[in-house]
């Protein structure tokens, strides 16, 4: 039995109200919502896959692409933007050798820009696997990324 089947087994009462919790469990297990998972959930709940994808894409916390071992979320909200988060984003991309919201070739890092991390007085702000870093500077970002890279050496 696959891990996806085990997740669906946790919801024996097949009802639409279970859709979001099922999607959350799938993302927690696999790191993202694959096309295969969406199709299987659709069959399980007797829902069109387009409806599931539409709902999942409405909520920003659902991802449709695999992430790196260390997933960086950089705040792109108004307060962080005013505090030069674009310089931070540029530094992250440079340090990781990526052009956008990609996964590094070694699979260790991925990055995404989020609307707001809700730490507006602390910006620029980023999170790596739910660990938050505030008052970022280019130097601080370099130290943080290097510290994560050193964990893999």
Protein backbone atom coordinates (compact mmCIF):
# COMPACT_ATOMS: atom_id res chain seq x y z
CA UNK A 1 0.00 0.00 0.00
CA UNK A 2 1.39 3.40 -0.96
CA UNK A 3 1.71 6.34 1.41
CA UNK A 4 -1.00 8.09 -0.61
CA UNK A 5 -3.37 5.17 -0.01
CA UNK A 6 -2.57 5.32 3.71
CA UNK A 7 -3.50 9.00 3.79
CA UNK A 8 -6.81 8.35 2.06
CA UNK A 9 -7.51 5.49 4.48
CA UNK A 10 -7.47 8.03 7.31
CA UNK A 11 -10.67 9.47 5.81
CA UNK A 12 -13.09 6.51 5.63
CA UNK A 13 -16.13 8.76 5.38
CA UNK A 14 -15.88 9.91 1.80
CA UNK A 15 -17.09 13.50 1.79
CA UNK A 16 -16.06 16.77 0.23
CA UNK A 17 -15.40 18.32 3.65
CA UNK A 18 -12.29 16.13 3.83
CA UNK A 19 -10.71 17.61 0.71
CA UNK A 20 -8.53 20.29 2.35
CA UNK A 21 -7.34 18.05 5.21
CA UNK A 22 -6.48 15.32 2.68
CA UNK A 23 -4.52 17.79 0.53
CA UNK A 24 -2.71 19.10 3.63
CA UNK A 25 -1.75 15.55 4.65
CA UNK A 26 -0.50 14.80 1.15
CA UNK A 27 1.62 17.94 1.07
CA UNK A 28 2.97 17.20 4.55
CA UNK A 29 3.97 13.70 3.41
CA UNK A 30 5.37 14.47 -0.06
CA UNK A 31 6.20 18.19 0.12
CA UNK A 32 3.84 19.09 -2.73
CA UNK A 33 0.66 18.02 -4.55
CA UNK A 34 1.51 15.91 -7.57
CA UNK A 35 -0.76 15.44 -10.55
CA UNK A 36 -1.03 11.76 -9.61
CA UNK A 37 -2.18 12.66 -6.08
CA UNK A 38 -4.80 15.12 -7.33
CA UNK A 39 -6.18 12.52 -9.75
CA UNK A 40 -6.32 9.87 -7.03
CA UNK A 41 -8.05 12.21 -4.57
CA UNK A 42 -10.54 13.13 -7.29
CA UNK A 43 -11.44 9.50 -7.83
CA UNK A 44 -11.63 8.86 -4.08
CA UNK A 45 -13.96 11.81 -3.43
CA UNK A 46 -15.76 11.60 -6.80
CA UNK A 47 -14.68 15.14 -7.63
CA UNK A 48 -13.33 16.47 -10.94
CA UNK A 49 -9.59 17.03 -10.84
CA UNK A 50 -10.11 20.55 -12.20
CA UNK A 51 -12.20 21.39 -9.13
CA UNK A 52 -9.51 20.03 -6.80
CA UNK A 53 -6.74 21.89 -8.62
CA UNK A 54 -8.84 25.07 -8.60
CA UNK A 55 -9.39 24.86 -4.86
CA UNK A 56 -5.75 23.98 -4.12
CA UNK A 57 -4.42 26.78 -6.33
CA UNK A 58 -6.66 29.27 -4.50
CA UNK A 59 -4.78 28.63 -1.25
CA UNK A 60 -1.23 29.93 -1.41
CA UNK A 61 0.22 27.33 0.96
CA UNK A 62 -0.36 24.46 -1.47
CA UNK A 63 2.51 23.72 -3.85
CA UNK A 64 2.46 21.79 -7.11
CA UNK A 65 6.20 21.35 -7.50
CA UNK A 66 8.70 19.44 -5.43
CA UNK A 67 10.77 21.51 -3.01
CA UNK A 68 14.34 21.20 -1.84
CA UNK A 69 15.39 19.77 1.50
CA UNK A 70 15.67 23.37 2.70
CA UNK A 71 12.71 25.34 1.38
CA UNK A 72 13.14 29.10 1.57
CA UNK A 73 10.09 31.33 1.70
CA UNK A 74 10.93 34.99 1.21
CA UNK A 75 8.34 37.58 2.13
CA UNK A 76 7.29 39.83 -0.72
CA UNK A 77 4.70 41.78 1.26
CA UNK A 78 4.54 45.56 1.23
CA UNK A 79 6.62 46.12 4.36
CA UNK A 80 9.40 43.75 3.27
CA UNK A 81 9.31 45.19 -0.22
CA UNK A 82 9.82 48.69 1.16
CA UNK A 83 12.73 47.32 3.21
CA UNK A 84 14.59 46.19 0.06
CA UNK A 85 13.59 42.52 -0.03
CA UNK A 86 14.44 42.50 -3.75
CA UNK A 87 18.13 42.76 -2.81
CA UNK A 88 17.65 39.77 -0.51
CA UNK A 89 15.88 37.78 -3.24
CA UNK A 90 18.66 38.61 -5.69
CA UNK A 91 21.29 37.45 -3.17
CA UNK A 92 19.46 34.17 -2.50
CA UNK A 93 19.22 33.43 -6.23
CA UNK A 94 22.90 34.26 -6.68
CA UNK A 95 24.03 32.11 -3.74
CA UNK A 96 21.88 29.16 -4.82
CA UNK A 97 22.52 29.49 -8.56
CA UNK A 98 18.83 29.61 -9.46
CA UNK A 99 16.86 32.04 -11.60
CA UNK A 100 13.48 31.91 -9.91
CA UNK A 101 11.32 29.67 -7.84
CA UNK A 102 13.35 26.56 -8.61
CA UNK A 103 15.10 23.70 -6.85
CA UNK A 104 18.89 23.67 -6.86
CA UNK A 105 20.53 20.97 -8.97
CA UNK A 106 21.61 19.07 -5.85
CA UNK A 107 18.02 19.14 -4.52
CA UNK A 108 19.03 20.87 -1.29
CA UNK A 109 17.41 24.27 -1.71
CA UNK A 110 14.29 25.73 -3.23
CA UNK A 111 12.84 29.20 -3.00
CA UNK A 112 9.46 30.81 -3.29
CA UNK A 113 8.22 34.34 -2.81
CA UNK A 114 5.19 34.63 -0.57
CA UNK A 115 2.68 37.44 -0.21
CA UNK A 116 3.27 37.97 3.50
CA UNK A 117 4.86 36.10 6.37
CA UNK A 118 3.08 38.31 8.95
CA UNK A 119 6.19 39.78 10.54
CA UNK A 120 5.84 43.22 9.02
CA UNK A 121 7.89 45.08 11.61
CA UNK A 122 10.75 42.61 11.28
CA UNK A 123 11.45 42.77 7.54
CA UNK A 124 12.89 41.73 5.31
CA UNK A 125 11.91 38.25 6.50
CA UNK A 126 12.45 34.72 5.22
CA UNK A 127 11.74 31.25 6.53
CA UNK A 128 13.67 28.07 5.89
CA UNK A 129 11.57 25.02 6.69
CA UNK A 130 9.43 27.09 9.07
CA UNK A 131 12.44 28.61 10.90
CA UNK A 132 12.17 32.38 10.59
CA UNK A 133 14.95 34.90 10.00
CA UNK A 134 14.27 38.63 10.41
CA UNK A 135 15.94 41.97 9.72
CA UNK A 136 17.81 40.41 6.81
CA UNK A 137 20.79 41.93 5.08
CA UNK A 138 22.83 40.56 2.20
CA UNK A 139 25.55 39.53 4.66
CA UNK A 140 23.09 37.82 7.00
CA UNK A 141 21.51 35.88 4.09
CA UNK A 142 24.97 34.71 2.99
CA UNK A 143 25.74 33.47 6.53
CA UNK A 144 22.39 31.69 6.85
CA UNK A 145 22.64 29.90 3.50
CA UNK A 146 26.27 28.96 4.15
CA UNK A 147 25.30 27.52 7.55
CA UNK A 148 22.69 25.27 5.88
CA UNK A 149 25.18 24.23 3.20
CA UNK A 150 27.70 23.29 5.91
CA UNK A 151 25.16 20.86 7.39
CA UNK A 152 25.53 18.81 4.21
CA UNK A 153 29.33 18.65 4.12
